[in-house]
């Protein structure tokens, strides 16, 4: 019984030494390089949209919009049907870290874009 215990212990220790190989890397790039690539890809996607991005924002999650997320919503289907307080923003991102944004708060904000800075 005592020799079986020693045999199992030697086998486990040998397996641990063989299994641990410090030369194997899970990633071919450093975390900083992978992070920089992800940021560059996101910035490229934001700036590549020819007409910009439209964001529909509902500040309250009890809106009827969230009752069936797989439902296709027509372009003009929001008015009077989808609960409380949705806002629409149009955003055009530029490569120099600026963006032009319009909002549907009033006639002025819907027609005159405001310029701001963004950071990814």
PDB file of N, CA and C in Angstrom:
ATOM      1  N   UNK A   1       0.825  -1.183   0.000  1.00  0.00           N
ATOM      2  CA  UNK A   1       0.000   0.000   0.000  1.00  0.00           C
ATOM      3  C   UNK A   1       0.868   1.246   0.000  1.00  0.00           C
ATOM      4  N   UNK A   2       1.931   1.209   0.801  1.00  0.00           N
ATOM      5  CA  UNK A   2       2.827   2.342   0.914  1.00  0.00           C
ATOM      6  C   UNK A   2       3.568   2.590  -0.402  1.00  0.00           C
ATOM      7  N   UNK A   3       3.922   1.528  -1.155  1.00  0.00           N
ATOM      8  CA  UNK A   3       4.631   1.681  -2.424  1.00  0.00           C
ATOM      9  C   UNK A   3       3.694   2.235  -3.510  1.00  0.00           C
ATOM     10  N   UNK A   4       2.402   1.870  -3.453  1.00  0.00           N
ATOM     11  CA  UNK A   4       1.450   2.448  -4.410  1.00  0.00           C
ATOM     12  C   UNK A   4       1.305   3.961  -4.187  1.00  0.00           C
ATOM     13  N   UNK A   5       1.307   4.370  -2.938  1.00  0.00           N
ATOM     14  CA  UNK A   5       1.211   5.792  -2.609  1.00  0.00           C
ATOM     15  C   UNK A   5       2.412   6.540  -3.181  1.00  0.00           C
ATOM     16  N   UNK A   6       3.624   6.002  -3.016  1.00  0.00           N
ATOM     17  CA  UNK A   6       4.821   6.634  -3.555  1.00  0.00           C
ATOM     18  C   UNK A   6       4.784   6.676  -5.073  1.00  0.00           C
ATOM     19  N   UNK A   7       4.311   5.605  -5.693  1.00  0.00           N
ATOM     20  CA  UNK A   7       4.225   5.538  -7.145  1.00  0.00           C
ATOM     21  C   UNK A   7       3.258   6.600  -7.678  1.00  0.00           C
ATOM     22  N   UNK A   8       2.107   6.745  -7.047  1.00  0.00           N
ATOM     23  CA  UNK A   8       1.136   7.769  -7.458  1.00  0.00           C
ATOM     24  C   UNK A   8       1.695   9.178  -7.237  1.00  0.00           C
ATOM     25  N   UNK A   9       2.372   9.388  -6.144  1.00  0.00           N
ATOM     26  CA  UNK A   9       2.950  10.695  -5.852  1.00  0.00           C
ATOM     27  C   UNK A   9       4.012  11.062  -6.886  1.00  0.00           C
ATOM     28  N   UNK A  10       4.854  10.120  -7.262  1.00  0.00           N
ATOM     29  CA  UNK A  10       5.884  10.364  -8.282  1.00  0.00           C
ATOM     30  C   UNK A  10       5.226  10.654  -9.633  1.00  0.00           C
ATOM     31  N   UNK A  11       4.168   9.931  -9.960  1.00  0.00           N
ATOM     32  CA  UNK A  11       3.470  10.148 -11.227  1.00  0.00           C
ATOM     33  C   UNK A  11       2.829  11.541 -11.274  1.00  0.00           C
ATOM     34  N   UNK A  12       2.243  11.980 -10.176  1.00  0.00           N
ATOM     35  CA  UNK A  12       1.611  13.305 -10.125  1.00  0.00           C
ATOM     36  C   UNK A  12       2.668  14.394 -10.246  1.00  0.00           C
ATOM     37  N   UNK A  13       3.767  14.254  -9.538  1.00  0.00           N
ATOM     38  CA  UNK A  13       4.838  15.258  -9.603  1.00  0.00           C
ATOM     39  C   UNK A  13       5.435  15.309 -11.000  1.00  0.00           C
ATOM     40  N   UNK A  14       5.649  14.168 -11.634  1.00  0.00           N
ATOM     41  CA  UNK A  14       6.188  14.132 -12.999  1.00  0.00           C
ATOM     42  C   UNK A  14       5.217  14.796 -13.971  1.00  0.00           C
ATOM     43  N   UNK A  15       3.926  14.574 -13.801  1.00  0.00           N
ATOM     44  CA  UNK A  15       2.919  15.198 -14.657  1.00  0.00           C
ATOM     45  C   UNK A  15       2.930  16.709 -14.504  1.00  0.00           C
ATOM     46  N   UNK A  16       3.083  17.189 -13.265  1.00  0.00           N
ATOM     47  CA  UNK A  16       3.128  18.628 -13.037  1.00  0.00           C
ATOM     48  C   UNK A  16       4.334  19.267 -13.709  1.00  0.00           C
ATOM     49  N   UNK A  17       5.482  18.614 -13.654  1.00  0.00           N
ATOM     50  CA  UNK A  17       6.664  19.170 -14.293  1.00  0.00           C
ATOM     51  C   UNK A  17       6.544  19.176 -15.811  1.00  0.00           C
ATOM     52  N   UNK A  18       5.928  18.181 -16.372  1.00  0.00           N
ATOM     53  CA  UNK A  18       5.771  18.099 -17.822  1.00  0.00           C
ATOM     54  C   UNK A  18       4.686  19.069 -18.290  1.00  0.00           C
ATOM     55  N   UNK A  19       3.629  19.248 -17.514  1.00  0.00           N
ATOM     56  CA  UNK A  19       2.495  20.075 -17.913  1.00  0.00           C
ATOM     57  C   UNK A  19       2.810  21.564 -17.889  1.00  0.00           C
ATOM     58  N   UNK A  20       3.713  21.989 -17.050  1.00  0.00           N
ATOM     59  CA  UNK A  20       4.014  23.420 -16.924  1.00  0.00           C
ATOM     60  C   UNK A  20       5.123  23.787 -17.886  1.00  0.00           C
ATOM     61  N   UNK A  21       4.759  24.461 -18.962  1.00  0.00           N
ATOM     62  CA  UNK A  21       5.729  24.902 -19.945  1.00  0.00           C
ATOM     63  C   UNK A  21       5.591  26.415 -20.086  1.00  0.00           C
ATOM     64  N   UNK A  22       6.582  27.156 -19.656  1.00  0.00           N
ATOM     65  CA  UNK A  22       6.517  28.613 -19.636  1.00  0.00           C
ATOM     66  C   UNK A  22       6.691  29.219 -21.024  1.00  0.00           C
ATOM     67  N   UNK A  23       7.103  28.442 -22.013  1.00  0.00           N
ATOM     68  CA  UNK A  23       7.355  28.982 -23.346  1.00  0.00           C
ATOM     69  C   UNK A  23       6.086  29.122 -24.190  1.00  0.00           C
ATOM     70  N   UNK A  24       4.987  28.589 -23.738  1.00  0.00           N
ATOM     71  CA  UNK A  24       3.749  28.657 -24.510  1.00  0.00           C
ATOM     72  C   UNK A  24       2.981  29.916 -24.108  1.00  0.00           C
ATOM     73  N   UNK A  25       2.707  30.782 -25.096  1.00  0.00           N
ATOM     74  CA  UNK A  25       1.935  31.993 -24.866  1.00  0.00           C
ATOM     75  C   UNK A  25       0.535  31.816 -25.447  1.00  0.00           C
ATOM     76  N   UNK A  26      -0.453  32.270 -24.708  1.00  0.00           N
ATOM     77  CA  UNK A  26      -1.827  32.163 -25.186  1.00  0.00           C
ATOM     78  C   UNK A  26      -2.108  33.201 -26.270  1.00  0.00           C
ATOM     79  N   UNK A  27      -1.390  34.328 -26.249  1.00  0.00           N
ATOM     80  CA  UNK A  27      -1.607  35.403 -27.202  1.00  0.00           C
ATOM     81  C   UNK A  27      -0.297  35.732 -27.898  1.00  0.00           C
ATOM     82  N   UNK A  28      -0.393  36.146 -29.152  1.00  0.00           N
ATOM     83  CA  UNK A  28       0.813  36.487 -29.890  1.00  0.00           C
ATOM     84  C   UNK A  28       1.201  37.954 -29.749  1.00  0.00           C
ATOM     85  N   UNK A  29       0.325  38.773 -29.135  1.00  0.00           N
ATOM     86  CA  UNK A  29       0.607  40.185 -28.920  1.00  0.00           C
ATOM     87  C   UNK A  29       0.376  40.522 -27.458  1.00  0.00           C
ATOM     88  N   UNK A  30       0.971  41.617 -27.027  1.00  0.00           N
ATOM     89  CA  UNK A  30       0.810  42.040 -25.633  1.00  0.00           C
ATOM     90  C   UNK A  30      -0.600  42.594 -25.415  1.00  0.00           C
ATOM     91  N   UNK A  31      -1.057  42.676 -24.149  1.00  0.00           N
ATOM     92  CA  UNK A  31      -2.375  43.255 -23.881  1.00  0.00           C
ATOM     93  C   UNK A  31      -2.495  44.693 -24.387  1.00  0.00           C
ATOM     94  N   UNK A  32      -1.437  45.472 -24.284  1.00  0.00           N
ATOM     95  CA  UNK A  32      -1.477  46.858 -24.767  1.00  0.00           C
ATOM     96  C   UNK A  32      -1.652  46.914 -26.280  1.00  0.00           C
ATOM     97  N   UNK A  33      -0.982  46.005 -27.005  1.00  0.00           N
ATOM     98  CA  UNK A  33      -1.121  45.967 -28.456  1.00  0.00           C
ATOM     99  C   UNK A  33      -2.527  45.528 -28.859  1.00  0.00           C
ATOM    100  N   UNK A  34      -3.070  44.520 -28.185  1.00  0.00           N
ATOM    101  CA  UNK A  34      -4.430  44.063 -28.497  1.00  0.00           C
ATOM    102  C   UNK A  34      -5.449  45.150 -28.195  1.00  0.00           C
ATOM    103  N   UNK A  35      -5.256  45.879 -27.081  1.00  0.00           N
ATOM    104  CA  UNK A  35      -6.150  46.966 -26.718  1.00  0.00           C
ATOM    105  C   UNK A  35      -6.087  48.089 -27.757  1.00  0.00           C
ATOM    106  N   UNK A  36      -4.884  48.451 -28.186  1.00  0.00           N
ATOM    107  CA  UNK A  36      -4.722  49.510 -29.193  1.00  0.00           C
ATOM    108  C   UNK A  36      -5.380  49.117 -30.512  1.00  0.00           C
ATOM    109  N   UNK A  37      -5.278  47.845 -30.891  1.00  0.00           N
ATOM    110  CA  UNK A  37      -5.914  47.372 -32.123  1.00  0.00           C
ATOM    111  C   UNK A  37      -7.436  47.432 -32.015  1.00  0.00           C
ATOM    112  N   UNK A  38      -7.972  47.085 -30.852  1.00  0.00           N
ATOM    113  CA  UNK A  38      -9.422  47.147 -30.654  1.00  0.00           C
ATOM    114  C   UNK A  38      -9.924  48.585 -30.716  1.00  0.00           C
ATOM    115  N   UNK A  39      -9.175  49.507 -30.103  1.00  0.00           N
ATOM    116  CA  UNK A  39      -9.554  50.923 -30.132  1.00  0.00           C
ATOM    117  C   UNK A  39      -9.492  51.457 -31.558  1.00  0.00           C
ATOM    118  N   UNK A  40      -8.446  51.112 -32.296  1.00  0.00           N
ATOM    119  CA  UNK A  40      -8.316  51.571 -33.681  1.00  0.00           C
ATOM    120  C   UNK A  40      -9.444  51.017 -34.549  1.00  0.00           C
ATOM    121  N   UNK A  41      -9.820  49.759 -34.334  1.00  0.00           N
ATOM    122  CA  UNK A  41     -10.919  49.171 -35.111  1.00  0.00           C
ATOM    123  C   UNK A  41     -12.241  49.853 -34.803  1.00  0.00           C
ATOM    124  N   UNK A  42     -12.485  50.156 -33.531  1.00  0.00           N
ATOM    125  CA  UNK A  42     -13.719  50.847 -33.162  1.00  0.00           C
ATOM    126  C   UNK A  42     -13.758  52.254 -33.750  1.00  0.00           C
ATOM    127  N   UNK A  43     -12.644  52.972 -33.670  1.00  0.00           N
ATOM    128  CA  UNK A  43     -12.595  54.324 -34.226  1.00  0.00           C
ATOM    129  C   UNK A  43     -12.788  54.289 -35.739  1.00  0.00           C
ATOM    130  N   UNK A  44     -12.215  53.304 -36.409  1.00  0.00           N
ATOM    131  CA  UNK A  44     -12.395  53.171 -37.858  1.00  0.00           C
ATOM    132  C   UNK A  44     -13.858  52.901 -38.202  1.00  0.00           C
ATOM    133  N   UNK A  45     -14.520  52.073 -37.402  1.00  0.00           N
ATOM    134  CA  UNK A  45     -15.931  51.790 -37.652  1.00  0.00           C
ATOM    135  C   UNK A  45     -16.796  53.020 -37.407  1.00  0.00           C
ATOM    136  N   UNK A  46     -16.504  53.785 -36.360  1.00  0.00           N
ATOM    137  CA  UNK A  46     -17.277  54.999 -36.080  1.00  0.00           C
ATOM    138  C   UNK A  46     -17.125  56.035 -37.187  1.00  0.00           C
ATOM    139  N   UNK A  47     -15.912  56.224 -37.683  1.00  0.00           N
ATOM    140  CA  UNK A  47     -15.663  57.259 -38.689  1.00  0.00           C
ATOM    141  C   UNK A  47     -16.006  56.808 -40.098  1.00  0.00           C
ATOM    142  N   UNK A  48     -16.167  55.515 -40.335  1.00  0.00           N
ATOM    143  CA  UNK A  48     -16.429  55.015 -41.682  1.00  0.00           C
ATOM    144  C   UNK A  48     -17.879  55.203 -42.120  1.00  0.00           C
ATOM    145  N   UNK A  49     -18.796  55.427 -41.186  1.00  0.00           N
ATOM    146  CA  UNK A  49     -20.206  55.575 -41.551  1.00  0.00           C
ATOM    147  C   UNK A  49     -20.394  56.876 -42.324  1.00  0.00           C
ATOM    148  N   UNK A  50     -20.769  56.763 -43.585  1.00  0.00           N
ATOM    149  CA  UNK A  50     -20.855  57.924 -44.467  1.00  0.00           C
ATOM    150  C   UNK A  50     -21.858  58.967 -43.971  1.00  0.00           C
ATOM    151  N   UNK A  51     -22.986  58.501 -43.465  1.00  0.00           N
ATOM    152  CA  UNK A  51     -24.031  59.411 -43.015  1.00  0.00           C
ATOM    153  C   UNK A  51     -24.089  59.516 -41.493  1.00  0.00           C
ATOM    154  N   UNK A  52     -23.156  58.934 -40.802  1.00  0.00           N
ATOM    155  CA  UNK A  52     -23.127  59.001 -39.347  1.00  0.00           C
ATOM    156  C   UNK A  52     -23.952  57.893 -38.709  1.00  0.00           C
ATOM    157  N   UNK A  53     -24.277  58.084 -37.445  1.00  0.00           N
ATOM    158  CA  UNK A  53     -24.983  57.086 -36.656  1.00  0.00           C
ATOM    159  C   UNK A  53     -26.240  57.707 -36.058  1.00  0.00           C
ATOM    160  N   UNK A  54     -27.290  56.934 -35.994  1.00  0.00           N
ATOM    161  CA  UNK A  54     -28.511  57.366 -35.325  1.00  0.00           C
ATOM    162  C   UNK A  54     -28.649  56.543 -34.046  1.00  0.00           C
ATOM    163  N   UNK A  55     -28.843  57.239 -32.948  1.00  0.00           N
ATOM    164  CA  UNK A  55     -28.977  56.595 -31.646  1.00  0.00           C
ATOM    165  C   UNK A  55     -30.372  56.880 -31.116  1.00  0.00           C
ATOM    166  N   UNK A  56     -31.105  55.842 -30.787  1.00  0.00           N
ATOM    167  CA  UNK A  56     -32.398  55.976 -30.134  1.00  0.00           C
ATOM    168  C   UNK A  56     -32.190  55.612 -28.676  1.00  0.00           C
ATOM    169  N   UNK A  57     -32.453  56.566 -27.787  1.00  0.00           N
ATOM    170  CA  UNK A  57     -32.172  56.390 -26.366  1.00  0.00           C
ATOM    171  C   UNK A  57     -33.462  56.507 -25.573  1.00  0.00           C
ATOM    172  N   UNK A  58     -33.736  55.505 -24.761  1.00  0.00           N
ATOM    173  CA  UNK A  58     -34.892  55.511 -23.878  1.00  0.00           C
ATOM    174  C   UNK A  58     -34.386  55.497 -22.442  1.00  0.00           C
ATOM    175  N   UNK A  59     -34.542  56.606 -21.705  1.00  0.00           N
ATOM    176  CA  UNK A  59     -33.977  56.673 -20.363  1.00  0.00           C
ATOM    177  C   UNK A  59     -34.683  55.780 -19.356  1.00  0.00           C
ATOM    178  N   UNK A  60     -35.903  55.366 -19.644  1.00  0.00           N
ATOM    179  CA  UNK A  60     -36.616  54.488 -18.714  1.00  0.00           C
ATOM    180  C   UNK A  60     -36.768  53.122 -19.339  1.00  0.00           C
ATOM    181  N   UNK A  61     -36.320  52.098 -18.641  1.00  0.00           N
ATOM    182  CA  UNK A  61     -36.356  50.749 -19.199  1.00  0.00           C
ATOM    183  C   UNK A  61     -37.727  50.095 -19.111  1.00  0.00           C
ATOM    184  N   UNK A  62     -38.716  50.775 -18.507  1.00  0.00           N
ATOM    185  CA  UNK A  62     -40.051  50.196 -18.488  1.00  0.00           C
ATOM    186  C   UNK A  62     -40.841  50.574 -19.735  1.00  0.00           C
ATOM    187  N   UNK A  63     -40.161  51.157 -20.704  1.00  0.00           N
ATOM    188  CA  UNK A  63     -40.804  51.504 -21.956  1.00  0.00           C
ATOM    189  C   UNK A  63     -41.289  50.239 -22.649  1.00  0.00           C
ATOM    190  N   UNK A  64     -42.375  50.367 -23.398  1.00  0.00           N
ATOM    191  CA  UNK A  64     -42.894  49.216 -24.130  1.00  0.00           C
ATOM    192  C   UNK A  64     -41.926  48.727 -25.199  1.00  0.00           C
ATOM    193  N   UNK A  65     -40.941  49.558 -25.542  1.00  0.00           N
ATOM    194  CA  UNK A  65     -39.954  49.153 -26.530  1.00  0.00           C
ATOM    195  C   UNK A  65     -39.218  47.890 -26.094  1.00  0.00           C
ATOM    196  N   UNK A  66     -39.030  47.710 -24.789  1.00  0.00           N
ATOM    197  CA  UNK A  66     -38.257  46.589 -24.287  1.00  0.00           C
ATOM    198  C   UNK A  66     -39.110  45.363 -23.996  1.00  0.00           C
ATOM    199  N   UNK A  67     -40.397  45.399 -24.318  1.00  0.00           N
ATOM    200  CA  UNK A  67     -41.251  44.259 -24.024  1.00  0.00           C
ATOM    201  C   UNK A  67     -41.019  43.101 -24.988  1.00  0.00           C
ATOM    202  N   UNK A  68     -40.612  43.382 -26.225  1.00  0.00           N
ATOM    203  CA  UNK A  68     -40.333  42.338 -27.192  1.00  0.00           C
ATOM    204  C   UNK A  68     -39.134  42.769 -28.037  1.00  0.00           C
ATOM    205  N   UNK A  69     -37.911  42.452 -27.615  1.00  0.00           N
ATOM    206  CA  UNK A  69     -36.729  42.957 -28.317  1.00  0.00           C
ATOM    207  C   UNK A  69     -36.548  42.396 -29.715  1.00  0.00           C
ATOM    208  N   UNK A  70     -37.219  41.307 -30.076  1.00  0.00           N
ATOM    209  CA  UNK A  70     -37.062  40.756 -31.419  1.00  0.00           C
ATOM    210  C   UNK A  70     -38.052  41.358 -32.414  1.00  0.00           C
ATOM    211  N   UNK A  71     -38.932  42.247 -31.949  1.00  0.00           N
ATOM    212  CA  UNK A  71     -39.908  42.865 -32.840  1.00  0.00           C
ATOM    213  C   UNK A  71     -39.233  43.921 -33.707  1.00  0.00           C
ATOM    214  N   UNK A  72     -39.518  43.878 -35.001  1.00  0.00           N
ATOM    215  CA  UNK A  72     -39.014  44.901 -35.903  1.00  0.00           C
ATOM    216  C   UNK A  72     -39.897  46.134 -35.760  1.00  0.00           C
ATOM    217  N   UNK A  73     -39.272  47.282 -35.554  1.00  0.00           N
ATOM    218  CA  UNK A  73     -40.009  48.510 -35.304  1.00  0.00           C
ATOM    219  C   UNK A  73     -39.922  49.380 -36.555  1.00  0.00           C
ATOM    220  N   UNK A  74     -41.051  49.810 -37.120  1.00  0.00           N
ATOM    221  CA  UNK A  74     -41.001  50.672 -38.296  1.00  0.00           C
ATOM    222  C   UNK A  74     -40.422  52.044 -37.945  1.00  0.00           C
ATOM    223  N   UNK A  75     -39.972  52.742 -38.951  1.00  0.00           N
ATOM    224  CA  UNK A  75     -39.281  54.018 -38.741  1.00  0.00           C
ATOM    225  C   UNK A  75     -40.143  55.017 -37.976  1.00  0.00           C
ATOM    226  N   UNK A  76     -41.423  55.094 -38.284  1.00  0.00           N
ATOM    227  CA  UNK A  76     -42.299  56.067 -37.633  1.00  0.00           C
ATOM    228  C   UNK A  76     -43.221  55.404 -36.615  1.00  0.00           C
ATOM    229  N   UNK A  77     -42.854  54.257 -36.119  1.00  0.00           N
ATOM    230  CA  UNK A  77     -43.705  53.521 -35.206  1.00  0.00           C
ATOM    231  C   UNK A  77     -43.617  53.922 -33.759  1.00  0.00           C
ATOM    232  N   UNK A  78     -42.793  54.896 -33.412  1.00  0.00           N
ATOM    233  CA  UNK A  78     -42.599  55.250 -32.014  1.00  0.00           C
ATOM    234  C   UNK A  78     -43.680  56.169 -31.466  1.00  0.00           C
ATOM    235  N   UNK A  79     -44.172  57.063 -32.282  1.00  0.00           N
ATOM    236  CA  UNK A  79     -45.031  58.141 -31.812  1.00  0.00           C
ATOM    237  C   UNK A  79     -46.281  57.605 -31.122  1.00  0.00           C
ATOM    238  N   UNK A  80     -46.406  57.892 -29.823  1.00  0.00           N
ATOM    239  CA  UNK A  80     -47.586  57.533 -29.059  1.00  0.00           C
ATOM    240  C   UNK A  80     -47.736  56.060 -28.754  1.00  0.00           C
ATOM    241  N   UNK A  81     -46.760  55.242 -29.076  1.00  0.00           N
ATOM    242  CA  UNK A  81     -46.931  53.813 -28.920  1.00  0.00           C
ATOM    243  C   UNK A  81     -45.900  53.159 -28.002  1.00  0.00           C
ATOM    244  N   UNK A  82     -44.739  53.746 -27.850  1.00  0.00           N
ATOM    245  CA  UNK A  82     -43.653  53.055 -27.171  1.00  0.00           C
ATOM    246  C   UNK A  82     -43.246  53.683 -25.847  1.00  0.00           C
ATOM    247  N   UNK A  83     -44.189  54.062 -25.043  1.00  0.00           N
ATOM    248  CA  UNK A  83     -43.867  54.441 -23.683  1.00  0.00           C
ATOM    249  C   UNK A  83     -43.270  55.811 -23.538  1.00  0.00           C
ATOM    250  N   UNK A  84     -42.467  55.979 -22.525  1.00  0.00           N
ATOM    251  CA  UNK A  84     -42.029  57.278 -22.044  1.00  0.00           C
ATOM    252  C   UNK A  84     -40.692  57.693 -22.612  1.00  0.00           C
ATOM    253  N   UNK A  85     -40.591  58.904 -23.077  1.00  0.00           N
ATOM    254  CA  UNK A  85     -39.380  59.680 -23.231  1.00  0.00           C
ATOM    255  C   UNK A  85     -38.258  59.180 -24.084  1.00  0.00           C
ATOM    256  N   UNK A  86     -38.478  58.744 -25.290  1.00  0.00           N
ATOM    257  CA  UNK A  86     -37.368  58.387 -26.146  1.00  0.00           C
ATOM    258  C   UNK A  86     -36.736  59.614 -26.783  1.00  0.00           C
ATOM    259  N   UNK A  87     -35.438  59.554 -27.041  1.00  0.00           N
ATOM    260  CA  UNK A  87     -34.709  60.645 -27.685  1.00  0.00           C
ATOM    261  C   UNK A  87     -33.954  60.083 -28.883  1.00  0.00           C
ATOM    262  N   UNK A  88     -33.831  60.907 -29.905  1.00  0.00           N
ATOM    263  CA  UNK A  88     -33.106  60.502 -31.111  1.00  0.00           C
ATOM    264  C   UNK A  88     -31.918  61.430 -31.302  1.00  0.00           C
ATOM    265  N   UNK A  89     -30.756  60.857 -31.497  1.00  0.00           N
ATOM    266  CA  UNK A  89     -29.535  61.620 -31.741  1.00  0.00           C
ATOM    267  C   UNK A  89     -28.950  61.173 -33.074  1.00  0.00           C
ATOM    268  N   UNK A  90     -28.445  62.113 -33.844  1.00  0.00           N
ATOM    269  CA  UNK A  90     -27.682  61.813 -35.054  1.00  0.00           C
ATOM    270  C   UNK A  90     -26.256  62.256 -34.806  1.00  0.00           C
ATOM    271  N   UNK A  91     -25.303  61.341 -34.996  1.00  0.00           N
ATOM    272  CA  UNK A  91     -23.905  61.630 -34.692  1.00  0.00           C
ATOM    273  C   UNK A  91     -23.029  61.298 -35.892  1.00  0.00           C
ATOM    274  N   UNK A  92     -22.149  62.211 -36.239  1.00  0.00           N
ATOM    275  CA  UNK A  92     -21.169  61.998 -37.305  1.00  0.00           C
ATOM    276  C   UNK A  92     -19.787  62.145 -36.690  1.00  0.00           C
ATOM    277  N   UNK A  93     -19.049  61.033 -36.634  1.00  0.00           N
ATOM    278  CA  UNK A  93     -17.717  61.007 -36.021  1.00  0.00           C
ATOM    279  C   UNK A  93     -16.657  61.330 -37.075  1.00  0.00           C
ATOM    280  N   UNK A  94     -15.639  62.082 -36.673  1.00  0.00           N
ATOM    281  CA  UNK A  94     -14.535  62.447 -37.555  1.00  0.00           C
ATOM    282  C   UNK A  94     -13.228  61.888 -36.991  1.00  0.00           C
ATOM    283  N   UNK A  95     -12.250  61.725 -37.863  1.00  0.00           N
ATOM    284  CA  UNK A  95     -10.969  61.122 -37.464  1.00  0.00           C
ATOM    285  C   UNK A  95     -10.170  61.999 -36.509  1.00  0.00           C
ATOM    286  N   UNK A  96     -10.457  63.312 -36.466  1.00  0.00           N
ATOM    287  CA  UNK A  96      -9.712  64.205 -35.569  1.00  0.00           C
ATOM    288  C   UNK A  96     -10.330  64.269 -34.167  1.00  0.00           C
ATOM    289  N   UNK A  97     -11.072  63.238 -33.788  1.00  0.00           N
ATOM    290  CA  UNK A  97     -11.705  63.096 -32.468  1.00  0.00           C
ATOM    291  C   UNK A  97     -12.756  64.169 -32.191  1.00  0.00           C
ATOM    292  N   UNK A  98     -13.421  64.639 -33.238  1.00  0.00           N
ATOM    293  CA  UNK A  98     -14.565  65.525 -33.066  1.00  0.00           C
ATOM    294  C   UNK A  98     -15.796  64.836 -33.632  1.00  0.00           C
ATOM    295  N   UNK A  99     -16.952  65.276 -33.183  1.00  0.00           N
ATOM    296  CA  UNK A  99     -18.191  64.744 -33.719  1.00  0.00           C
ATOM    297  C   UNK A  99     -19.204  65.866 -33.839  1.00  0.00           C
ATOM    298  N   UNK A 100     -20.094  65.700 -34.798  1.00  0.00           N
ATOM    299  CA  UNK A 100     -21.217  66.610 -34.965  1.00  0.00           C
ATOM    300  C   UNK A 100     -22.457  65.853 -34.542  1.00  0.00           C
ATOM    301  N   UNK A 101     -23.270  66.498 -33.712  1.00  0.00           N
ATOM    302  CA  UNK A 101     -24.434  65.803 -33.181  1.00  0.00           C
ATOM    303  C   UNK A 101     -25.667  66.694 -33.263  1.00  0.00           C
ATOM    304  N   UNK A 102     -26.777  66.076 -33.661  1.00  0.00           N
ATOM    305  CA  UNK A 102     -28.085  66.715 -33.635  1.00  0.00           C
ATOM    306  C   UNK A 102     -28.971  65.907 -32.703  1.00  0.00           C
ATOM    307  N   UNK A 103     -29.927  66.566 -32.059  1.00  0.00           N
ATOM    308  CA  UNK A 103     -30.848  65.895 -31.145  1.00  0.00           C
ATOM    309  C   UNK A 103     -32.258  66.371 -31.430  1.00  0.00           C
ATOM    310  N   UNK A 104     -33.238  65.609 -30.987  1.00  0.00           N
ATOM    311  CA  UNK A 104     -34.626  65.955 -31.261  1.00  0.00           C
ATOM    312  C   UNK A 104     -35.291  66.717 -30.113  1.00  0.00           C
ATOM    313  N   UNK A 105     -34.520  67.484 -29.346  1.00  0.00           N
ATOM    314  CA  UNK A 105     -35.102  68.214 -28.219  1.00  0.00           C
ATOM    315  C   UNK A 105     -36.005  69.358 -28.680  1.00  0.00           C
ATOM    316  N   UNK A 106     -35.542  70.116 -29.671  1.00  0.00           N
ATOM    317  CA  UNK A 106     -36.353  71.200 -30.224  1.00  0.00           C
ATOM    318  C   UNK A 106     -35.914  71.435 -31.672  1.00  0.00           C
ATOM    319  N   UNK A 107     -36.537  72.396 -32.349  1.00  0.00           N
ATOM    320  CA  UNK A 107     -36.241  72.635 -33.765  1.00  0.00           C
ATOM    321  C   UNK A 107     -34.789  73.063 -33.973  1.00  0.00           C
ATOM    322  N   UNK A 108     -34.245  73.818 -33.036  1.00  0.00           N
ATOM    323  CA  UNK A 108     -32.866  74.282 -33.168  1.00  0.00           C
ATOM    324  C   UNK A 108     -31.870  73.131 -33.064  1.00  0.00           C
ATOM    325  N   UNK A 109     -32.022  72.274 -32.062  1.00  0.00           N
ATOM    326  CA  UNK A 109     -31.083  71.156 -31.889  1.00  0.00           C
ATOM    327  C   UNK A 109     -31.275  70.082 -32.960  1.00  0.00           C
ATOM    328  N   UNK A 110     -32.439  70.039 -33.581  1.00  0.00           N
ATOM    329  CA  UNK A 110     -32.682  69.061 -34.632  1.00  0.00           C
ATOM    330  C   UNK A 110     -32.107  69.499 -35.976  1.00  0.00           C
ATOM    331  N   UNK A 111     -31.921  70.806 -36.163  1.00  0.00           N
ATOM    332  CA  UNK A 111     -31.443  71.285 -37.457  1.00  0.00           C
ATOM    333  C   UNK A 111     -29.997  71.776 -37.435  1.00  0.00           C
ATOM    334  N   UNK A 112     -29.523  72.255 -36.295  1.00  0.00           N
ATOM    335  CA  UNK A 112     -28.165  72.800 -36.194  1.00  0.00           C
ATOM    336  C   UNK A 112     -27.265  71.823 -35.443  1.00  0.00           C
ATOM    337  N   UNK A 113     -26.263  71.260 -36.122  1.00  0.00           N
ATOM    338  CA  UNK A 113     -25.391  70.322 -35.404  1.00  0.00           C
ATOM    339  C   UNK A 113     -24.456  71.042 -34.436  1.00  0.00           C
ATOM    340  N   UNK A 114     -24.237  70.420 -33.313  1.00  0.00           N
ATOM    341  CA  UNK A 114     -23.265  70.908 -32.335  1.00  0.00           C
ATOM    342  C   UNK A 114     -22.005  70.068 -32.462  1.00  0.00           C
ATOM    343  N   UNK A 115     -20.848  70.688 -32.311  1.00  0.00           N
ATOM    344  CA  UNK A 115     -19.574  69.998 -32.419  1.00  0.00           C
ATOM    345  C   UNK A 115     -18.999  69.774 -31.037  1.00  0.00           C
ATOM    346  N   UNK A 116     -18.474  68.583 -30.824  1.00  0.00           N
ATOM    347  CA  UNK A 116     -17.869  68.244 -29.559  1.00  0.00           C
ATOM    348  C   UNK A 116     -16.691  67.318 -29.799  1.00  0.00           C
ATOM    349  N   UNK A 117     -15.980  66.976 -28.758  1.00  0.00           N
ATOM    350  CA  UNK A 117     -14.866  66.031 -28.853  1.00  0.00           C
ATOM    351  C   UNK A 117     -15.296  64.680 -28.297  1.00  0.00           C
ATOM    352  N   UNK A 118     -14.678  63.631 -28.784  1.00  0.00           N
ATOM    353  CA  UNK A 118     -14.925  62.293 -28.242  1.00  0.00           C
ATOM    354  C   UNK A 118     -13.597  61.584 -28.059  1.00  0.00           C
ATOM    355  N   UNK A 119     -13.616  60.567 -27.238  1.00  0.00           N
ATOM    356  CA  UNK A 119     -12.429  59.778 -26.970  1.00  0.00           C
ATOM    357  C   UNK A 119     -12.849  58.320 -26.881  1.00  0.00           C
ATOM    358  N   UNK A 120     -12.128  57.468 -27.571  1.00  0.00           N
ATOM    359  CA  UNK A 120     -12.419  56.039 -27.540  1.00  0.00           C
ATOM    360  C   UNK A 120     -11.472  55.375 -26.577  1.00  0.00           C
TER     361      UNK A 120
END
